[in-house]
Amino acid sequence: MQAGLVYGQIGQTEYIVRSMIEESGYRDVKVVATGGLGRIIAKETDCIHIYDPNLTLSGLRLIFEKQK
């Protein structure tokens, strides 16, 4: 069951990335994964180029610092 969930999520991610690239018309894109499951998915697929576990927190920090 657990493997099915993980591989199902990987397949879903690959489908979404492919569809977004096709729809946008951009071919030279970098896909960034973040968050808890991003680490697992990024290791198992070639469609994710960068994994940054703290991307969201880093962005929030930058917004906070600009508001000071």
PDB file of N, CA and C in Angstrom:
ATOM      1  N   MET A   1       0.823  -1.182   0.000  1.00  0.00           N
ATOM      2  CA  MET A   1       0.000   0.000   0.000  1.00  0.00           C
ATOM      3  C   MET A   1       0.870   1.250   0.000  1.00  0.00           C
ATOM      4  N   GLN A   2       1.862   1.263   0.863  1.00  0.00           N
ATOM      5  CA  GLN A   2       2.716   2.451   0.967  1.00  0.00           C
ATOM      6  C   GLN A   2       3.451   2.709  -0.341  1.00  0.00           C
ATOM      7  N   ALA A   3       3.978   1.660  -0.952  1.00  0.00           N
ATOM      8  CA  ALA A   3       4.679   1.824  -2.230  1.00  0.00           C
ATOM      9  C   ALA A   3       3.726   2.330  -3.302  1.00  0.00           C
ATOM     10  N   GLY A   4       2.505   1.858  -3.290  1.00  0.00           N
ATOM     11  CA  GLY A   4       1.514   2.320  -4.251  1.00  0.00           C
ATOM     12  C   GLY A   4       1.225   3.801  -4.094  1.00  0.00           C
ATOM     13  N   LEU A   5       1.175   4.262  -2.861  1.00  0.00           N
ATOM     14  CA  LEU A   5       0.948   5.691  -2.624  1.00  0.00           C
ATOM     15  C   LEU A   5       2.113   6.531  -3.132  1.00  0.00           C
ATOM     16  N   VAL A   6       3.326   6.088  -2.841  1.00  0.00           N
ATOM     17  CA  VAL A   6       4.509   6.844  -3.255  1.00  0.00           C
ATOM     18  C   VAL A   6       4.623   6.864  -4.774  1.00  0.00           C
ATOM     19  N   TYR A   7       4.527   5.689  -5.410  1.00  0.00           N
ATOM     20  CA  TYR A   7       4.670   5.641  -6.864  1.00  0.00           C
ATOM     21  C   TYR A   7       3.492   6.301  -7.565  1.00  0.00           C
ATOM     22  N   GLY A   8       2.324   6.260  -6.962  1.00  0.00           N
ATOM     23  CA  GLY A   8       1.179   6.984  -7.510  1.00  0.00           C
ATOM     24  C   GLY A   8       1.413   8.484  -7.490  1.00  0.00           C
ATOM     25  N   GLN A   9       1.989   8.987  -6.407  1.00  0.00           N
ATOM     26  CA  GLN A   9       2.286  10.416  -6.301  1.00  0.00           C
ATOM     27  C   GLN A   9       3.365  10.829  -7.299  1.00  0.00           C
ATOM     28  N   ILE A  10       4.351   9.964  -7.493  1.00  0.00           N
ATOM     29  CA  ILE A  10       5.402  10.241  -8.477  1.00  0.00           C
ATOM     30  C   ILE A  10       4.792  10.324  -9.876  1.00  0.00           C
ATOM     31  N   GLY A  11       3.947   9.368 -10.219  1.00  0.00           N
ATOM     32  CA  GLY A  11       3.297   9.382 -11.521  1.00  0.00           C
ATOM     33  C   GLY A  11       2.429  10.609 -11.711  1.00  0.00           C
ATOM     34  N   GLN A  12       1.706  10.983 -10.678  1.00  0.00           N
ATOM     35  CA  GLN A  12       0.849  12.173 -10.734  1.00  0.00           C
ATOM     36  C   GLN A  12       1.702  13.426 -10.940  1.00  0.00           C
ATOM     37  N   THR A  13       2.797  13.522 -10.226  1.00  0.00           N
ATOM     38  CA  THR A  13       3.694  14.672 -10.355  1.00  0.00           C
ATOM     39  C   THR A  13       4.263  14.761 -11.766  1.00  0.00           C
ATOM     40  N   GLU A  14       4.725  13.643 -12.295  1.00  0.00           N
ATOM     41  CA  GLU A  14       5.276  13.641 -13.649  1.00  0.00           C
ATOM     42  C   GLU A  14       4.221  14.064 -14.665  1.00  0.00           C
ATOM     43  N   TYR A  15       2.996  13.579 -14.510  1.00  0.00           N
ATOM     44  CA  TYR A  15       1.914  13.940 -15.433  1.00  0.00           C
ATOM     45  C   TYR A  15       1.617  15.434 -15.366  1.00  0.00           C
ATOM     46  N   ILE A  16       1.532  15.975 -14.165  1.00  0.00           N
ATOM     47  CA  ILE A  16       1.231  17.398 -14.002  1.00  0.00           C
ATOM     48  C   ILE A  16       2.339  18.259 -14.594  1.00  0.00           C
ATOM     49  N   VAL A  17       3.588  17.912 -14.331  1.00  0.00           N
ATOM     50  CA  VAL A  17       4.718  18.681 -14.865  1.00  0.00           C
ATOM     51  C   VAL A  17       4.708  18.636 -16.393  1.00  0.00           C
ATOM     52  N   ARG A  18       4.546  17.435 -16.972  1.00  0.00           N
ATOM     53  CA  ARG A  18       4.499  17.307 -18.435  1.00  0.00           C
ATOM     54  C   ARG A  18       3.359  18.132 -19.021  1.00  0.00           C
ATOM     55  N   SER A  19       2.192  18.064 -18.402  1.00  0.00           N
ATOM     56  CA  SER A  19       1.030  18.802 -18.907  1.00  0.00           C
ATOM     57  C   SER A  19       1.242  20.306 -18.836  1.00  0.00           C
ATOM     58  N   MET A  20       1.830  20.786 -17.748  1.00  0.00           N
ATOM     59  CA  MET A  20       2.069  22.215 -17.607  1.00  0.00           C
ATOM     60  C   MET A  20       3.095  22.705 -18.618  1.00  0.00           C
ATOM     61  N   ILE A  21       4.134  21.926 -18.853  1.00  0.00           N
ATOM     62  CA  ILE A  21       5.148  22.301 -19.840  1.00  0.00           C
ATOM     63  C   ILE A  21       4.529  22.339 -21.231  1.00  0.00           C
ATOM     64  N   GLU A  22       3.740  21.323 -21.547  1.00  0.00           N
ATOM     65  CA  GLU A  22       3.090  21.268 -22.859  1.00  0.00           C
ATOM     66  C   GLU A  22       2.124  22.438 -23.055  1.00  0.00           C
ATOM     67  N   GLU A  23       1.328  22.722 -22.041  1.00  0.00           N
ATOM     68  CA  GLU A  23       0.339  23.793 -22.150  1.00  0.00           C
ATOM     69  C   GLU A  23       0.988  25.174 -22.226  1.00  0.00           C
ATOM     70  N   SER A  24       2.071  25.372 -21.482  1.00  0.00           N
ATOM     71  CA  SER A  24       2.713  26.683 -21.454  1.00  0.00           C
ATOM     72  C   SER A  24       3.516  26.958 -22.723  1.00  0.00           C
ATOM     73  N   GLY A  25       4.014  25.895 -23.345  1.00  0.00           N
ATOM     74  CA  GLY A  25       4.843  26.071 -24.532  1.00  0.00           C
ATOM     75  C   GLY A  25       6.312  26.270 -24.215  1.00  0.00           C
ATOM     76  N   TYR A  26       6.643  26.407 -22.942  1.00  0.00           N
ATOM     77  CA  TYR A  26       8.047  26.547 -22.545  1.00  0.00           C
ATOM     78  C   TYR A  26       8.689  25.171 -22.511  1.00  0.00           C
ATOM     79  N   ARG A  27       9.880  25.065 -23.049  1.00  0.00           N
ATOM     80  CA  ARG A  27      10.574  23.782 -23.066  1.00  0.00           C
ATOM     81  C   ARG A  27      11.760  23.759 -22.100  1.00  0.00           C
ATOM     82  N   ASP A  28      12.375  24.896 -21.892  1.00  0.00           N
ATOM     83  CA  ASP A  28      13.561  24.972 -21.039  1.00  0.00           C
ATOM     84  C   ASP A  28      13.145  25.465 -19.651  1.00  0.00           C
ATOM     85  N   VAL A  29      12.615  24.569 -18.840  1.00  0.00           N
ATOM     86  CA  VAL A  29      12.133  24.942 -17.509  1.00  0.00           C
ATOM     87  C   VAL A  29      12.900  24.161 -16.444  1.00  0.00           C
ATOM     88  N   LYS A  30      12.972  24.742 -15.277  1.00  0.00           N
ATOM     89  CA  LYS A  30      13.532  24.063 -14.108  1.00  0.00           C
ATOM     90  C   LYS A  30      12.390  23.836 -13.128  1.00  0.00           C
ATOM     91  N   VAL A  31      12.197  22.616 -12.711  1.00  0.00           N
ATOM     92  CA  VAL A  31      11.136  22.260 -11.782  1.00  0.00           C
ATOM     93  C   VAL A  31      11.752  22.129 -10.399  1.00  0.00           C
ATOM     94  N   VAL A  32      11.164  22.830  -9.434  1.00  0.00           N
ATOM     95  CA  VAL A  32      11.665  22.842  -8.060  1.00  0.00           C
ATOM     96  C   VAL A  32      10.634  22.177  -7.154  1.00  0.00           C
ATOM     97  N   ALA A  33      11.086  21.240  -6.357  1.00  0.00           N
ATOM     98  CA  ALA A  33      10.231  20.595  -5.369  1.00  0.00           C
ATOM     99  C   ALA A  33      10.615  21.091  -3.989  1.00  0.00           C
ATOM    100  N   THR A  34       9.634  21.186  -3.116  1.00  0.00           N
ATOM    101  CA  THR A  34       9.874  21.618  -1.748  1.00  0.00           C
ATOM    102  C   THR A  34       8.942  20.859  -0.827  1.00  0.00           C
ATOM    103  N   GLY A  35       9.222  20.898   0.450  1.00  0.00           N
ATOM    104  CA  GLY A  35       8.335  20.263   1.412  1.00  0.00           C
ATOM    105  C   GLY A  35       8.701  18.825   1.717  1.00  0.00           C
ATOM    106  N   GLY A  36       7.890  18.212   2.547  1.00  0.00           N
ATOM    107  CA  GLY A  36       8.169  16.884   3.081  1.00  0.00           C
ATOM    108  C   GLY A  36       8.276  15.782   2.051  1.00  0.00           C
ATOM    109  N   LEU A  37       7.242  15.576   1.252  1.00  0.00           N
ATOM    110  CA  LEU A  37       7.275  14.502   0.267  1.00  0.00           C
ATOM    111  C   LEU A  37       8.114  14.843  -0.951  1.00  0.00           C
ATOM    112  N   GLY A  38       8.456  16.114  -1.111  1.00  0.00           N
ATOM    113  CA  GLY A  38       9.271  16.529  -2.250  1.00  0.00           C
ATOM    114  C   GLY A  38      10.587  15.774  -2.306  1.00  0.00           C
ATOM    115  N   ARG A  39      11.164  15.504  -1.166  1.00  0.00           N
ATOM    116  CA  ARG A  39      12.446  14.777  -1.102  1.00  0.00           C
ATOM    117  C   ARG A  39      12.303  13.375  -1.693  1.00  0.00           C
ATOM    118  N   ILE A  40      11.241  12.700  -1.326  1.00  0.00           N
ATOM    119  CA  ILE A  40      11.032  11.332  -1.801  1.00  0.00           C
ATOM    120  C   ILE A  40      10.767  11.328  -3.301  1.00  0.00           C
ATOM    121  N   ILE A  41       9.919  12.228  -3.747  1.00  0.00           N
ATOM    122  CA  ILE A  41       9.539  12.272  -5.154  1.00  0.00           C
ATOM    123  C   ILE A  41      10.716  12.715  -6.018  1.00  0.00           C
ATOM    124  N   ALA A  42      11.460  13.733  -5.580  1.00  0.00           N
ATOM    125  CA  ALA A  42      12.575  14.262  -6.371  1.00  0.00           C
ATOM    126  C   ALA A  42      13.637  13.203  -6.634  1.00  0.00           C
ATOM    127  N   LYS A  43      13.853  12.317  -5.675  1.00  0.00           N
ATOM    128  CA  LYS A  43      14.864  11.267  -5.847  1.00  0.00           C
ATOM    129  C   LYS A  43      14.457  10.240  -6.892  1.00  0.00           C
ATOM    130  N   GLU A  44      13.160  10.101  -7.117  1.00  0.00           N
ATOM    131  CA  GLU A  44      12.656   9.016  -7.961  1.00  0.00           C
ATOM    132  C   GLU A  44      12.228   9.434  -9.364  1.00  0.00           C
ATOM    133  N   THR A  45      12.372  10.713  -9.716  1.00  0.00           N
ATOM    134  CA  THR A  45      11.940  11.153 -11.033  1.00  0.00           C
ATOM    135  C   THR A  45      12.935  12.135 -11.635  1.00  0.00           C
ATOM    136  N   ASP A  46      12.995  12.141 -12.940  1.00  0.00           N
ATOM    137  CA  ASP A  46      13.882  13.072 -13.649  1.00  0.00           C
ATOM    138  C   ASP A  46      13.196  14.392 -13.953  1.00  0.00           C
ATOM    139  N   CYS A  47      11.895  14.488 -13.703  1.00  0.00           N
ATOM    140  CA  CYS A  47      11.183  15.726 -14.055  1.00  0.00           C
ATOM    141  C   CYS A  47      11.410  16.828 -13.018  1.00  0.00           C
ATOM    142  N   ILE A  48      11.941  16.495 -11.852  1.00  0.00           N
ATOM    143  CA  ILE A  48      12.246  17.499 -10.832  1.00  0.00           C
ATOM    144  C   ILE A  48      13.750  17.745 -10.860  1.00  0.00           C
ATOM    145  N   HIS A  49      14.130  19.005 -11.057  1.00  0.00           N
ATOM    146  CA  HIS A  49      15.542  19.342 -11.211  1.00  0.00           C
ATOM    147  C   HIS A  49      16.194  19.776  -9.905  1.00  0.00           C
ATOM    148  N   ILE A  50      15.433  20.420  -9.027  1.00  0.00           N
ATOM    149  CA  ILE A  50      15.989  20.963  -7.792  1.00  0.00           C
ATOM    150  C   ILE A  50      15.057  20.610  -6.638  1.00  0.00           C
ATOM    151  N   TYR A  51      15.638  20.212  -5.534  1.00  0.00           N
ATOM    152  CA  TYR A  51      14.856  20.002  -4.309  1.00  0.00           C
ATOM    153  C   TYR A  51      15.397  20.950  -3.253  1.00  0.00           C
ATOM    154  N   ASP A  52      14.532  21.804  -2.739  1.00  0.00           N
ATOM    155  CA  ASP A  52      14.898  22.754  -1.686  1.00  0.00           C
ATOM    156  C   ASP A  52      13.880  22.614  -0.563  1.00  0.00           C
ATOM    157  N   PRO A  53      14.255  21.946   0.528  1.00  0.00           N
ATOM    158  CA  PRO A  53      13.288  21.691   1.591  1.00  0.00           C
ATOM    159  C   PRO A  53      12.810  22.952   2.306  1.00  0.00           C
ATOM    160  N   ASN A  54      13.554  24.031   2.200  1.00  0.00           N
ATOM    161  CA  ASN A  54      13.197  25.254   2.928  1.00  0.00           C
ATOM    162  C   ASN A  54      12.779  26.405   2.028  1.00  0.00           C
ATOM    163  N   LEU A  55      12.413  26.118   0.804  1.00  0.00           N
ATOM    164  CA  LEU A  55      12.087  27.176  -0.148  1.00  0.00           C
ATOM    165  C   LEU A  55      10.953  28.069   0.357  1.00  0.00           C
ATOM    166  N   THR A  56       9.896  27.490   0.843  1.00  0.00           N
ATOM    167  CA  THR A  56       8.758  28.274   1.323  1.00  0.00           C
ATOM    168  C   THR A  56       9.156  29.128   2.516  1.00  0.00           C
ATOM    169  N   LEU A  57       9.874  28.543   3.457  1.00  0.00           N
ATOM    170  CA  LEU A  57      10.304  29.302   4.635  1.00  0.00           C
ATOM    171  C   LEU A  57      11.278  30.417   4.258  1.00  0.00           C
ATOM    172  N   SER A  58      12.155  30.148   3.312  1.00  0.00           N
ATOM    173  CA  SER A  58      13.090  31.187   2.860  1.00  0.00           C
ATOM    174  C   SER A  58      12.339  32.343   2.219  1.00  0.00           C
ATOM    175  N   GLY A  59      11.332  32.027   1.426  1.00  0.00           N
ATOM    176  CA  GLY A  59      10.517  33.074   0.810  1.00  0.00           C
ATOM    177  C   GLY A  59       9.765  33.897   1.835  1.00  0.00           C
ATOM    178  N   LEU A  60       9.216  33.238   2.831  1.00  0.00           N
ATOM    179  CA  LEU A  60       8.509  33.959   3.897  1.00  0.00           C
ATOM    180  C   LEU A  60       9.467  34.864   4.680  1.00  0.00           C
ATOM    181  N   ARG A  61      10.696  34.378   4.897  1.00  0.00           N
ATOM    182  CA  ARG A  61      11.690  35.197   5.593  1.00  0.00           C
ATOM    183  C   ARG A  61      12.009  36.448   4.788  1.00  0.00           C
ATOM    184  N   LEU A  62      12.175  36.293   3.473  1.00  0.00           N
ATOM    185  CA  LEU A  62      12.464  37.449   2.624  1.00  0.00           C
ATOM    186  C   LEU A  62      11.325  38.465   2.665  1.00  0.00           C
ATOM    187  N   ILE A  63      10.103  37.988   2.621  1.00  0.00           N
ATOM    188  CA  ILE A  63       8.947  38.887   2.701  1.00  0.00           C
ATOM    189  C   ILE A  63       8.933  39.608   4.041  1.00  0.00           C
ATOM    190  N   PHE A  64       9.194  38.872   5.116  1.00  0.00           N
ATOM    191  CA  PHE A  64       9.215  39.474   6.450  1.00  0.00           C
ATOM    192  C   PHE A  64      10.276  40.571   6.531  1.00  0.00           C
ATOM    193  N   GLU A  65      11.476  40.279   6.017  1.00  0.00           N
ATOM    194  CA  GLU A  65      12.562  41.258   6.088  1.00  0.00           C
ATOM    195  C   GLU A  65      12.253  42.509   5.272  1.00  0.00           C
ATOM    196  N   LYS A  66      11.548  42.368   4.159  1.00  0.00           N
ATOM    197  CA  LYS A  66      11.186  43.539   3.349  1.00  0.00           C
ATOM    198  C   LYS A  66      10.122  44.398   4.024  1.00  0.00           C
ATOM    199  N   GLN A  67       9.355  43.803   4.928  1.00  0.00           N
ATOM    200  CA  GLN A  67       8.286  44.521   5.614  1.00  0.00           C
ATOM    201  C   GLN A  67       8.788  45.293   6.825  1.00  0.00           C
ATOM    202  N   LYS A  68      10.015  45.069   7.251  1.00  0.00           N
ATOM    203  CA  LYS A  68      10.554  45.768   8.427  1.00  0.00           C
ATOM    204  C   LYS A  68      10.727  47.238   8.151  1.00  0.00           C
TER     205      LYS A  68
END
